[in-house]
Amino acid sequence: MVKKIVSTRIGHKEQVSRQEINLDKEGLLQYLIESTEALVDEKIKDEYLDRESEKILLTGGKVIDLSEIKRNLDTYFTSEATVYGKRFPQSFYDEIYRLNNWPIPKNKTIRKYVVARYTNEIIYMRFTKEGLLKLQTLNPYAKTFVRSYKHFQFLNDEGKMMLDQFIFEAIECMNECTTWYEFRLKYGQKYNLNVQMRLFEDRYNLNAMES
């Protein structure tokens, strides 16, 4: 077991308290990933932002591109959390488990910590990096690895329509792949997401060891 000192957030105000939290192997893996995120972001360019001409056809027929999403971020978000309603189908999580060769848990509502990070990378990053950061600001951690709301509760109707499209496209691509590595490459190339391959390969190997 490993111990670390953490700071906790309550609502939108940060209250720092020194406390020791025991982490199991999976928790330690997630903590290490979170700890390196800032360093990686400083060193790796956002290549997907250089290809802002990509067109996205929404289910309702509206066509937008990445530059439009970036310019109009505030139009997709709400400052207060909306009422919860399930948006991610179980098939989304089943495909993540299948591609990672993880056994499906009996209680499907309890998922590996890293699944939340994957969801940020393959779904919420479609709102651009700035969009994900805004959602993380609106919906900070209430305690270790736990947020008070789901990110999509801070999306308005138009934002939720885009979210549904992104989820559909992710599942569609997952269905075409046999491994998580293959999916991340194919999905990243198709939707201009910057795949941090060096970090991703290390993370993939660590997860394989844990499964």
Foldseek 3Di string as FASTA:
>chain_A
DDWDFDWACAQLDTDGDGDIDDDDPLRVLVVVVVVCVVVVVVPDDFQLVVPFVDWDQFPVGDIDTLVVLVVPVVQFFALDFADDDDQADLLLVVLVCQQLVHDCDPPNVDDRLCVVVVCCQQQQCLSPPVNSVVLCSSWPGRDPSHTPDDSCRGTDPVNSSSSNVSSVVLSVLSVVDRHPVVSCVVSCVVSVGDDPVVVVVVSSVVSNVVD
